Amino acid sequence: YTHDELKALTDVLLRHPHVWIMTDDMYEHL
């Protein structure tokens, strides 16, 4: 996900304060 694609998702999550986010960044460097 590009920064902008991810920002679109985080904008949704901001509207739902009861939802927590669990990231799996295992392939970050690949």
ModelCIF file with pLDDT and N, C-alpha, C, O atoms, coordinates in Angstrom:
data_MODEL
#
_entry.id   MODEL 
#
_entity.id                         1 
_entity.type                       polymer 
_entity.pdbx_number_of_molecules   1 
#
_entity_poly.entity_id                      1 
_entity_poly.type                           'polypeptide(L)' 
_entity_poly.nstd_linkage                   no 
_entity_poly.nstd_monomer                   no 
_entity_poly.pdbx_seq_one_letter_code       YTHDELKALTDVLLRHPHVWIMTDDMYEHL 
_entity_poly.pdbx_seq_one_letter_code_can   YTHDELKALTDVLLRHPHVWIMTDDMYEHL 
_entity_poly.pdbx_strand_id                 A 
#
loop_
_entity_poly_seq.entity_id 
_entity_poly_seq.num 
_entity_poly_seq.mon_id 
_entity_poly_seq.hetero 
1 1  TYR n 
1 2  THR n 
1 3  HIS n 
1 4  ASP n 
1 5  GLU n 
1 6  LEU n 
1 7  LYS n 
1 8  ALA n 
1 9  LEU n 
1 10 THR n 
1 11 ASP n 
1 12 VAL n 
1 13 LEU n 
1 14 LEU n 
1 15 ARG n 
1 16 HIS n 
1 17 PRO n 
1 18 HIS n 
1 19 VAL n 
1 20 TRP n 
1 21 ILE n 
1 22 MET n 
1 23 THR n 
1 24 ASP n 
1 25 ASP n 
1 26 MET n 
1 27 TYR n 
1 28 GLU n 
1 29 HIS n 
1 30 LEU n 
#
_struct_asym.id          A 
_struct_asym.entity_id   1 
#
loop_
_ma_qa_metric.id 
_ma_qa_metric.mode 
_ma_qa_metric.name 
_ma_qa_metric.software_group_id 
_ma_qa_metric.type 
1 global pLDDT . pLDDT 
2 local  pLDDT . pLDDT 
#
_ma_qa_metric_global.metric_id      1 
_ma_qa_metric_global.metric_value   97.90 
_ma_qa_metric_global.model_id       1 
_ma_qa_metric_global.ordinal_id     1 
#
loop_
_ma_qa_metric_local.label_asym_id 
_ma_qa_metric_local.label_comp_id 
_ma_qa_metric_local.label_seq_id 
_ma_qa_metric_local.metric_id 
_ma_qa_metric_local.metric_value 
_ma_qa_metric_local.model_id 
_ma_qa_metric_local.ordinal_id 
A TYR 1  2 98.00 1 1  
A THR 2  2 97.00 1 2  
A HIS 3  2 97.00 1 3  
A ASP 4  2 97.00 1 4  
A GLU 5  2 98.00 1 5  
A LEU 6  2 98.00 1 6  
A LYS 7  2 98.00 1 7  
A ALA 8  2 98.00 1 8  
A LEU 9  2 98.00 1 9  
A THR 10 2 98.00 1 10 
A ASP 11 2 98.00 1 11 
A VAL 12 2 98.00 1 12 
A LEU 13 2 98.00 1 13 
A LEU 14 2 98.00 1 14 
A ARG 15 2 98.00 1 15 
A HIS 16 2 98.00 1 16 
A PRO 17 2 98.00 1 17 
A HIS 18 2 98.00 1 18 
A VAL 19 2 98.00 1 19 
A TRP 20 2 98.00 1 20 
A ILE 21 2 98.00 1 21 
A MET 22 2 98.00 1 22 
A THR 23 2 98.00 1 23 
A ASP 24 2 98.00 1 24 
A ASP 25 2 98.00 1 25 
A MET 26 2 98.00 1 26 
A TYR 27 2 98.00 1 27 
A GLU 28 2 98.00 1 28 
A HIS 29 2 98.00 1 29 
A LEU 30 2 98.00 1 30 
#
loop_
_atom_site.group_PDB 
_atom_site.id 
_atom_site.type_symbol 
_atom_site.label_atom_id 
_atom_site.label_alt_id 
_atom_site.label_comp_id 
_atom_site.label_asym_id 
_atom_site.label_entity_id 
_atom_site.label_seq_id 
_atom_site.pdbx_PDB_ins_code 
_atom_site.Cartn_x 
_atom_site.Cartn_y 
_atom_site.Cartn_z 
_atom_site.occupancy 
_atom_site.B_iso_or_equiv 
_atom_site.pdbx_formal_charge 
_atom_site.auth_seq_id 
_atom_site.auth_comp_id 
_atom_site.auth_asym_id 
_atom_site.auth_atom_id 
_atom_site.pdbx_PDB_model_num 
ATOM 1   N N  . TYR A 1 1  ? 0.842   -1.198 0.000  1.00 98.00 ? 1  TYR A N  1 
ATOM 2   C CA . TYR A 1 1  ? 0.000   0.000  0.000  1.00 98.00 ? 1  TYR A CA 1 
ATOM 3   C C  . TYR A 1 1  ? 0.878   1.249  0.000  1.00 98.00 ? 1  TYR A C  1 
ATOM 4   O O  . TYR A 1 1  ? 1.778   1.382  0.829  1.00 98.00 ? 1  TYR A O  1 
ATOM 5   N N  . THR A 1 2  ? 0.614   2.161  -0.932 1.00 97.00 ? 2  THR A N  1 
ATOM 6   C CA . THR A 1 2  ? 1.313   3.441  -0.938 1.00 97.00 ? 2  THR A CA 1 
ATOM 7   C C  . THR A 1 2  ? 0.843   4.278  0.250  1.00 97.00 ? 2  THR A C  1 
ATOM 8   O O  . THR A 1 2  ? -0.150  3.953  0.900  1.00 97.00 ? 2  THR A O  1 
ATOM 9   N N  . HIS A 1 3  ? 1.567   5.347  0.516  1.00 97.00 ? 3  HIS A N  1 
ATOM 10  C CA . HIS A 1 3  ? 1.187   6.259  1.606  1.00 97.00 ? 3  HIS A CA 1 
ATOM 11  C C  . HIS A 1 3  ? -0.244  6.752  1.423  1.00 97.00 ? 3  HIS A C  1 
ATOM 12  O O  . HIS A 1 3  ? -1.017  6.781  2.380  1.00 97.00 ? 3  HIS A O  1 
ATOM 13  N N  . ASP A 1 4  ? -0.599  7.141  0.201  1.00 97.00 ? 4  ASP A N  1 
ATOM 14  C CA . ASP A 1 4  ? -1.950  7.675  -0.053 1.00 97.00 ? 4  ASP A CA 1 
ATOM 15  C C  . ASP A 1 4  ? -3.012  6.593  0.106  1.00 97.00 ? 4  ASP A C  1 
ATOM 16  O O  . ASP A 1 4  ? -4.087  6.854  0.646  1.00 97.00 ? 4  ASP A O  1 
ATOM 17  N N  . GLU A 1 5  ? -2.720  5.384  -0.360 1.00 98.00 ? 5  GLU A N  1 
ATOM 18  C CA . GLU A 1 5  ? -3.689  4.285  -0.206 1.00 98.00 ? 5  GLU A CA 1 
ATOM 19  C C  . GLU A 1 5  ? -3.903  3.955  1.263  1.00 98.00 ? 5  GLU A C  1 
ATOM 20  O O  . GLU A 1 5  ? -5.019  3.665  1.693  1.00 98.00 ? 5  GLU A O  1 
ATOM 21  N N  . LEU A 1 6  ? -2.824  4.002  2.019  1.00 98.00 ? 6  LEU A N  1 
ATOM 22  C CA . LEU A 1 6  ? -2.934  3.738  3.453  1.00 98.00 ? 6  LEU A CA 1 
ATOM 23  C C  . LEU A 1 6  ? -3.648  4.876  4.171  1.00 98.00 ? 6  LEU A C  1 
ATOM 24  O O  . LEU A 1 6  ? -4.420  4.631  5.098  1.00 98.00 ? 6  LEU A O  1 
ATOM 25  N N  . LYS A 1 7  ? -3.405  6.104  3.762  1.00 98.00 ? 7  LYS A N  1 
ATOM 26  C CA . LYS A 1 7  ? -4.074  7.254  4.368  1.00 98.00 ? 7  LYS A CA 1 
ATOM 27  C C  . LYS A 1 7  ? -5.588  7.167  4.182  1.00 98.00 ? 7  LYS A C  1 
ATOM 28  O O  . LYS A 1 7  ? -6.347  7.557  5.070  1.00 98.00 ? 7  LYS A O  1 
ATOM 29  N N  . ALA A 1 8  ? -6.026  6.657  3.032  1.00 98.00 ? 8  ALA A N  1 
ATOM 30  C CA . ALA A 1 8  ? -7.470  6.489  2.802  1.00 98.00 ? 8  ALA A CA 1 
ATOM 31  C C  . ALA A 1 8  ? -8.065  5.508  3.815  1.00 98.00 ? 8  ALA A C  1 
ATOM 32  O O  . ALA A 1 8  ? -9.189  5.696  4.279  1.00 98.00 ? 8  ALA A O  1 
ATOM 33  N N  . LEU A 1 9  ? -7.303  4.454  4.159  1.00 98.00 ? 9  LEU A N  1 
ATOM 34  C CA . LEU A 1 9  ? -7.786  3.492  5.158  1.00 98.00 ? 9  LEU A CA 1 
ATOM 35  C C  . LEU A 1 9  ? -7.760  4.085  6.561  1.00 98.00 ? 9  LEU A C  1 
ATOM 36  O O  . LEU A 1 9  ? -8.700  3.885  7.330  1.00 98.00 ? 9  LEU A O  1 
ATOM 37  N N  . THR A 1 10 ? -6.707  4.805  6.901  1.00 98.00 ? 10 THR A N  1 
ATOM 38  C CA . THR A 1 10 ? -6.636  5.381  8.247  1.00 98.00 ? 10 THR A CA 1 
ATOM 39  C C  . THR A 1 10 ? -7.696  6.456  8.447  1.00 98.00 ? 10 THR A C  1 
ATOM 40  O O  . THR A 1 10 ? -8.154  6.670  9.569  1.00 98.00 ? 10 THR A O  1 
ATOM 41  N N  . ASP A 1 11 ? -8.094  7.139  7.369  1.00 98.00 ? 11 ASP A N  1 
ATOM 42  C CA . ASP A 1 11 ? -9.189  8.106  7.475  1.00 98.00 ? 11 ASP A CA 1 
ATOM 43  C C  . ASP A 1 11 ? -10.486 7.417  7.890  1.00 98.00 ? 11 ASP A C  1 
ATOM 44  O O  . ASP A 1 11 ? -11.267 7.959  8.672  1.00 98.00 ? 11 ASP A O  1 
ATOM 45  N N  . VAL A 1 12 ? -10.705 6.208  7.353  1.00 98.00 ? 12 VAL A N  1 
ATOM 46  C CA . VAL A 1 12 ? -11.880 5.421  7.755  1.00 98.00 ? 12 VAL A CA 1 
ATOM 47  C C  . VAL A 1 12 ? -11.776 5.053  9.224  1.00 98.00 ? 12 VAL A C  1 
ATOM 48  O O  . VAL A 1 12 ? -12.748 5.183  9.969  1.00 98.00 ? 12 VAL A O  1 
ATOM 49  N N  . LEU A 1 13 ? -10.607 4.596  9.645  1.00 98.00 ? 13 LEU A N  1 
ATOM 50  C CA . LEU A 1 13 ? -10.420 4.136  11.025 1.00 98.00 ? 13 LEU A CA 1 
ATOM 51  C C  . LEU A 1 13 ? -10.565 5.275  12.024 1.00 98.00 ? 13 LEU A C  1 
ATOM 52  O O  . LEU A 1 13 ? -10.983 5.047  13.159 1.00 98.00 ? 13 LEU A O  1 
ATOM 53  N N  . LEU A 1 14 ? -10.230 6.482  11.627 1.00 98.00 ? 14 LEU A N  1 
ATOM 54  C CA . LEU A 1 14 ? -10.429 7.642  12.506 1.00 98.00 ? 14 LEU A CA 1 
ATOM 55  C C  . LEU A 1 14 ? -11.898 7.843  12.839 1.00 98.00 ? 14 LEU A C  1 
ATOM 56  O O  . LEU A 1 14 ? -12.238 8.349  13.908 1.00 98.00 ? 14 LEU A O  1 
ATOM 57  N N  . ARG A 1 15 ? -12.762 7.447  11.921 1.00 98.00 ? 15 ARG A N  1 
ATOM 58  C CA . ARG A 1 15 ? -14.214 7.612  12.136 1.00 98.00 ? 15 ARG A CA 1 
ATOM 59  C C  . ARG A 1 15 ? -14.798 6.513  13.022 1.00 98.00 ? 15 ARG A C  1 
ATOM 60  O O  . ARG A 1 15 ? -15.971 6.572  13.391 1.00 98.00 ? 15 ARG A O  1 
ATOM 61  N N  . HIS A 1 16 ? -13.990 5.518  13.364 1.00 98.00 ? 16 HIS A N  1 
ATOM 62  C CA . HIS A 1 16 ? -14.476 4.386  14.167 1.00 98.00 ? 16 HIS A CA 1 
ATOM 63  C C  . HIS A 1 16 ? -13.535 4.174  15.358 1.00 98.00 ? 16 HIS A C  1 
ATOM 64  O O  . HIS A 1 16 ? -12.686 3.283  15.326 1.00 98.00 ? 16 HIS A O  1 
ATOM 65  N N  . PRO A 1 17 ? -13.680 4.979  16.394 1.00 98.00 ? 17 PRO A N  1 
ATOM 66  C CA . PRO A 1 17 ? -12.719 4.945  17.510 1.00 98.00 ? 17 PRO A CA 1 
ATOM 67  C C  . PRO A 1 17 ? -12.729 3.654  18.321 1.00 98.00 ? 17 PRO A C  1 
ATOM 68  O O  . PRO A 1 17 ? -11.845 3.447  19.151 1.00 98.00 ? 17 PRO A O  1 
ATOM 69  N N  . HIS A 1 18 ? -13.719 2.775  18.096 1.00 98.00 ? 18 HIS A N  1 
ATOM 70  C CA . HIS A 1 18 ? -13.746 1.501  18.821 1.00 98.00 ? 18 HIS A CA 1 
ATOM 71  C C  . HIS A 1 18 ? -12.893 0.429  18.134 1.00 98.00 ? 18 HIS A C  1 
ATOM 72  O O  . HIS A 1 18 ? -12.713 -0.658 18.683 1.00 98.00 ? 18 HIS A O  1 
ATOM 73  N N  . VAL A 1 19 ? -12.369 0.723  16.944 1.00 98.00 ? 19 VAL A N  1 
ATOM 74  C CA . VAL A 1 19 ? -11.596 -0.265 16.183 1.00 98.00 ? 19 VAL A CA 1 
ATOM 75  C C  . VAL A 1 19 ? -10.104 -0.043 16.422 1.00 98.00 ? 19 VAL A C  1 
ATOM 76  O O  . VAL A 1 19 ? -9.590  1.063  16.256 1.00 98.00 ? 19 VAL A O  1 
ATOM 77  N N  . TRP A 1 20 ? -9.426  -1.117 16.814 1.00 98.00 ? 20 TRP A N  1 
ATOM 78  C CA . TRP A 1 20 ? -7.975  -1.093 16.988 1.00 98.00 ? 20 TRP A CA 1 
ATOM 79  C C  . TRP A 1 20 ? -7.316  -1.650 15.726 1.00 98.00 ? 20 TRP A C  1 
ATOM 80  O O  . TRP A 1 20 ? -7.933  -2.389 14.959 1.00 98.00 ? 20 TRP A O  1 
ATOM 81  N N  . ILE A 1 21 ? -6.044  -1.278 15.528 1.00 98.00 ? 21 ILE A N  1 
ATOM 82  C CA . ILE A 1 21 ? -5.318  -1.659 14.320 1.00 98.00 ? 21 ILE A CA 1 
ATOM 83  C C  . ILE A 1 21 ? -4.147  -2.549 14.709 1.00 98.00 ? 21 ILE A C  1 
ATOM 84  O O  . ILE A 1 21 ? -3.331  -2.184 15.555 1.00 98.00 ? 21 ILE A O  1 
ATOM 85  N N  . MET A 1 22 ? -4.074  -3.725 14.081 1.00 98.00 ? 22 MET A N  1 
ATOM 86  C CA . MET A 1 22 ? -2.959  -4.640 14.271 1.00 98.00 ? 22 MET A CA 1 
ATOM 87  C C  . MET A 1 22 ? -2.226  -4.734 12.937 1.00 98.00 ? 22 MET A C  1 
ATOM 88  O O  . MET A 1 22 ? -2.772  -5.248 11.961 1.00 98.00 ? 22 MET A O  1 
ATOM 89  N N  . THR A 1 23 ? -0.987  -4.237 12.895 1.00 98.00 ? 23 THR A N  1 
ATOM 90  C CA . THR A 1 23 ? -0.238  -4.284 11.648 1.00 98.00 ? 23 THR A CA 1 
ATOM 91  C C  . THR A 1 23 ? 0.651   -5.523 11.625 1.00 98.00 ? 23 THR A C  1 
ATOM 92  O O  . THR A 1 23 ? 1.122   -5.983 12.665 1.00 98.00 ? 23 THR A O  1 
ATOM 93  N N  . ASP A 1 24 ? 0.869   -6.047 10.449 1.00 98.00 ? 24 ASP A N  1 
ATOM 94  C CA . ASP A 1 24 ? 1.849   -7.114 10.240 1.00 98.00 ? 24 ASP A CA 1 
ATOM 95  C C  . ASP A 1 24 ? 2.837   -6.571 9.221  1.00 98.00 ? 24 ASP A C  1 
ATOM 96  O O  . ASP A 1 24 ? 2.598   -6.622 8.015  1.00 98.00 ? 24 ASP A O  1 
ATOM 97  N N  . ASP A 1 25 ? 3.953   -6.050 9.726  1.00 98.00 ? 25 ASP A N  1 
ATOM 98  C CA . ASP A 1 25 ? 4.943   -5.366 8.890  1.00 98.00 ? 25 ASP A CA 1 
ATOM 99  C C  . ASP A 1 25 ? 6.144   -6.262 8.567  1.00 98.00 ? 25 ASP A C  1 
ATOM 100 O O  . ASP A 1 25 ? 7.239   -5.769 8.297  1.00 98.00 ? 25 ASP A O  1 
ATOM 101 N N  . MET A 1 26 ? 5.930   -7.577 8.599  1.00 98.00 ? 26 MET A N  1 
ATOM 102 C CA . MET A 1 26 ? 7.040   -8.524 8.496  1.00 98.00 ? 26 MET A CA 1 
ATOM 103 C C  . MET A 1 26 ? 7.860   -8.371 7.216  1.00 98.00 ? 26 MET A C  1 
ATOM 104 O O  . MET A 1 26 ? 9.047   -8.696 7.200  1.00 98.00 ? 26 MET A O  1 
ATOM 105 N N  . TYR A 1 27 ? 7.232   -7.876 6.138  1.00 98.00 ? 27 TYR A N  1 
ATOM 106 C CA . TYR A 1 27 ? 7.944   -7.762 4.858  1.00 98.00 ? 27 TYR A CA 1 
ATOM 107 C C  . TYR A 1 27 ? 8.369   -6.317 4.574  1.00 98.00 ? 27 TYR A C  1 
ATOM 108 O O  . TYR A 1 27 ? 8.602   -5.949 3.423  1.00 98.00 ? 27 TYR A O  1 
ATOM 109 N N  . GLU A 1 28 ? 8.467   -5.522 5.606  1.00 98.00 ? 28 GLU A N  1 
ATOM 110 C CA . GLU A 1 28 ? 8.789   -4.098 5.482  1.00 98.00 ? 28 GLU A CA 1 
ATOM 111 C C  . GLU A 1 28 ? 9.996   -3.818 4.598  1.00 98.00 ? 28 GLU A C  1 
ATOM 112 O O  . GLU A 1 28 ? 9.948   -2.924 3.753  1.00 98.00 ? 28 GLU A O  1 
ATOM 113 N N  . HIS A 1 29 ? 11.065  -4.562 4.779  1.00 98.00 ? 29 HIS A N  1 
ATOM 114 C CA . HIS A 1 29 ? 12.311  -4.273 4.063  1.00 98.00 ? 29 HIS A CA 1 
ATOM 115 C C  . HIS A 1 29 ? 12.385  -4.942 2.693  1.00 98.00 ? 29 HIS A C  1 
ATOM 116 O O  . HIS A 1 29 ? 13.325  -4.707 1.935  1.00 98.00 ? 29 HIS A O  1 
ATOM 117 N N  . LEU A 1 30 ? 11.398  -5.772 2.377  1.00 98.00 ? 30 LEU A N  1 
ATOM 118 C CA . LEU A 1 30 ? 11.393  -6.467 1.083  1.00 98.00 ? 30 LEU A CA 1 
ATOM 119 C C  . LEU A 1 30 ? 10.459  -5.718 0.134  1.00 98.00 ? 30 LEU A C  1 
ATOM 120 O O  . LEU A 1 30 ? 10.296  -6.121 -1.018 1.00 98.00 ? 30 LEU A O  1 
#
